[in-house]
Amino acid sequence: MARGQRKTLDEKITAKQEMIEALMTRIESEKRELAELFEEKKRKELESVSDLIADAGLEVSEVATLLQQYLQTRTAQAS
């Protein structure tokens, strides 16, 4: 049974280079998609916190002050 024509070494090198280039393009695309997913997750988490603040009837500045006080207390207790 006859086989197809064998590729030259240069053709094999070119094919591998093209494959690597295609894979690198795919990797970059996947990285962008992953970054978008992280941003979406962050946005949803912030919406959740914002809803919690609103449900508690607090202002963002009040929550920031309370959080700073909590962190200072916690740091002092850890020392």
C-alpha atoms as a PDB file:
ATOM      1  CA  MET A   1       0.000   0.000   0.000  1.00  0.00           C
ATOM      2  CA  ALA A   2       1.477   3.343  -1.022  1.00  0.00           C
ATOM      3  CA  ARG A   3       1.863   6.038   1.582  1.00  0.00           C
ATOM      4  CA  GLY A   4       1.532   9.774   1.066  1.00  0.00           C
ATOM      5  CA  GLN A   5       4.491  11.889   0.206  1.00  0.00           C
ATOM      6  CA  ARG A   6       6.803  12.379   3.182  1.00  0.00           C
ATOM      7  CA  LYS A   7       7.241  15.893   4.509  1.00  0.00           C
ATOM      8  CA  THR A   8      10.643  17.455   4.354  1.00  0.00           C
ATOM      9  CA  LEU A   9      12.315  18.612   7.548  1.00  0.00           C
ATOM     10  CA  ASP A  10      11.619  22.243   6.626  1.00  0.00           C
ATOM     11  CA  GLU A  11       7.919  21.436   6.122  1.00  0.00           C
ATOM     12  CA  LYS A  12       7.791  19.737   9.522  1.00  0.00           C
ATOM     13  CA  ILE A  13       9.449  22.741  11.149  1.00  0.00           C
ATOM     14  CA  THR A  14       7.011  25.121   9.472  1.00  0.00           C
ATOM     15  CA  ALA A  15       4.049  22.993  10.527  1.00  0.00           C
ATOM     16  CA  LYS A  16       5.246  22.959  14.154  1.00  0.00           C
ATOM     17  CA  GLN A  17       5.790  26.724  14.118  1.00  0.00           C
ATOM     18  CA  GLU A  18       2.273  27.233  12.779  1.00  0.00           C
ATOM     19  CA  MET A  19       0.877  24.882  15.419  1.00  0.00           C
ATOM     20  CA  ILE A  20       2.680  26.761  18.197  1.00  0.00           C
ATOM     21  CA  GLU A  21       1.458  30.100  16.851  1.00  0.00           C
ATOM     22  CA  ALA A  22      -2.125  28.812  16.765  1.00  0.00           C
ATOM     23  CA  LEU A  23      -1.814  27.485  20.317  1.00  0.00           C
ATOM     24  CA  MET A  24      -0.377  30.791  21.553  1.00  0.00           C
ATOM     25  CA  THR A  25      -3.331  32.613  19.994  1.00  0.00           C
ATOM     26  CA  ARG A  26      -5.678  30.203  21.733  1.00  0.00           C
ATOM     27  CA  ILE A  27      -3.897  30.699  25.055  1.00  0.00           C
ATOM     28  CA  GLU A  28      -4.217  34.477  24.782  1.00  0.00           C
ATOM     29  CA  SER A  29      -7.908  34.117  23.988  1.00  0.00           C
ATOM     30  CA  GLU A  30      -8.424  31.829  26.989  1.00  0.00           C
ATOM     31  CA  LYS A  31      -6.521  34.256  29.234  1.00  0.00           C
ATOM     32  CA  ARG A  32      -8.811  37.102  28.149  1.00  0.00           C
ATOM     33  CA  GLU A  33     -11.870  34.976  28.825  1.00  0.00           C
ATOM     34  CA  LEU A  34     -10.524  34.019  32.263  1.00  0.00           C
ATOM     35  CA  ALA A  35      -9.892  37.683  33.104  1.00  0.00           C
ATOM     36  CA  GLU A  36     -13.469  38.510  32.084  1.00  0.00           C
ATOM     37  CA  LEU A  37     -14.777  35.734  34.339  1.00  0.00           C
ATOM     38  CA  PHE A  38     -12.746  37.068  37.280  1.00  0.00           C
ATOM     39  CA  GLU A  39     -14.128  40.558  36.623  1.00  0.00           C
ATOM     40  CA  GLU A  40     -17.676  39.211  36.503  1.00  0.00           C
ATOM     41  CA  LYS A  41     -17.126  37.365  39.787  1.00  0.00           C
ATOM     42  CA  LYS A  42     -15.723  40.502  41.409  1.00  0.00           C
ATOM     43  CA  ARG A  43     -18.659  42.565  40.126  1.00  0.00           C
ATOM     44  CA  LYS A  44     -21.170  40.071  41.553  1.00  0.00           C
ATOM     45  CA  GLU A  45     -19.371  40.007  44.916  1.00  0.00           C
ATOM     46  CA  LEU A  46     -19.415  43.814  45.051  1.00  0.00           C
ATOM     47  CA  GLU A  47     -23.117  43.851  44.154  1.00  0.00           C
ATOM     48  CA  SER A  48     -23.749  41.411  46.989  1.00  0.00           C
ATOM     49  CA  VAL A  49     -21.877  43.603  49.471  1.00  0.00           C
ATOM     50  CA  SER A  50     -23.653  46.696  48.153  1.00  0.00           C
ATOM     51  CA  ASP A  51     -27.036  45.000  48.616  1.00  0.00           C
ATOM     52  CA  LEU A  52     -26.096  43.999  52.154  1.00  0.00           C
ATOM     53  CA  ILE A  53     -25.098  47.569  52.987  1.00  0.00           C
ATOM     54  CA  ALA A  54     -28.331  48.916  51.510  1.00  0.00           C
ATOM     55  CA  ASP A  55     -30.442  46.318  53.353  1.00  0.00           C
ATOM     56  CA  ALA A  56     -28.758  47.360  56.616  1.00  0.00           C
ATOM     57  CA  GLY A  57     -29.594  50.996  55.894  1.00  0.00           C
ATOM     58  CA  LEU A  58     -25.968  52.053  56.083  1.00  0.00           C
ATOM     59  CA  GLU A  59     -23.850  54.338  53.962  1.00  0.00           C
ATOM     60  CA  VAL A  60     -20.650  53.097  52.359  1.00  0.00           C
ATOM     61  CA  SER A  61     -18.630  55.596  54.406  1.00  0.00           C
ATOM     62  CA  GLU A  62     -20.133  54.178  57.620  1.00  0.00           C
ATOM     63  CA  VAL A  63     -19.210  50.654  56.639  1.00  0.00           C
ATOM     64  CA  ALA A  64     -15.684  51.771  55.704  1.00  0.00           C
ATOM     65  CA  THR A  65     -15.268  53.422  59.101  1.00  0.00           C
ATOM     66  CA  LEU A  66     -16.580  50.342  60.921  1.00  0.00           C
ATOM     67  CA  LEU A  67     -14.301  48.063  58.935  1.00  0.00           C
ATOM     68  CA  GLN A  68     -11.271  50.249  59.669  1.00  0.00           C
ATOM     69  CA  GLN A  69     -12.116  50.187  63.378  1.00  0.00           C
ATOM     70  CA  TYR A  70     -12.500  46.416  63.282  1.00  0.00           C
ATOM     71  CA  LEU A  71      -9.157  45.971  61.543  1.00  0.00           C
ATOM     72  CA  GLN A  72      -7.394  48.258  64.024  1.00  0.00           C
ATOM     73  CA  THR A  73      -8.883  46.318  66.949  1.00  0.00           C
ATOM     74  CA  ARG A  74      -7.964  43.007  65.410  1.00  0.00           C
ATOM     75  CA  THR A  75      -4.409  44.153  64.717  1.00  0.00           C
ATOM     76  CA  ALA A  76      -4.046  45.449  68.279  1.00  0.00           C
ATOM     77  CA  GLN A  77      -5.321  42.149  69.692  1.00  0.00           C
ATOM     78  CA  ALA A  78      -2.910  40.166  67.529  1.00  0.00           C
ATOM     79  CA  SER A  79       0.077  42.110  68.881  1.00  0.00           C
END
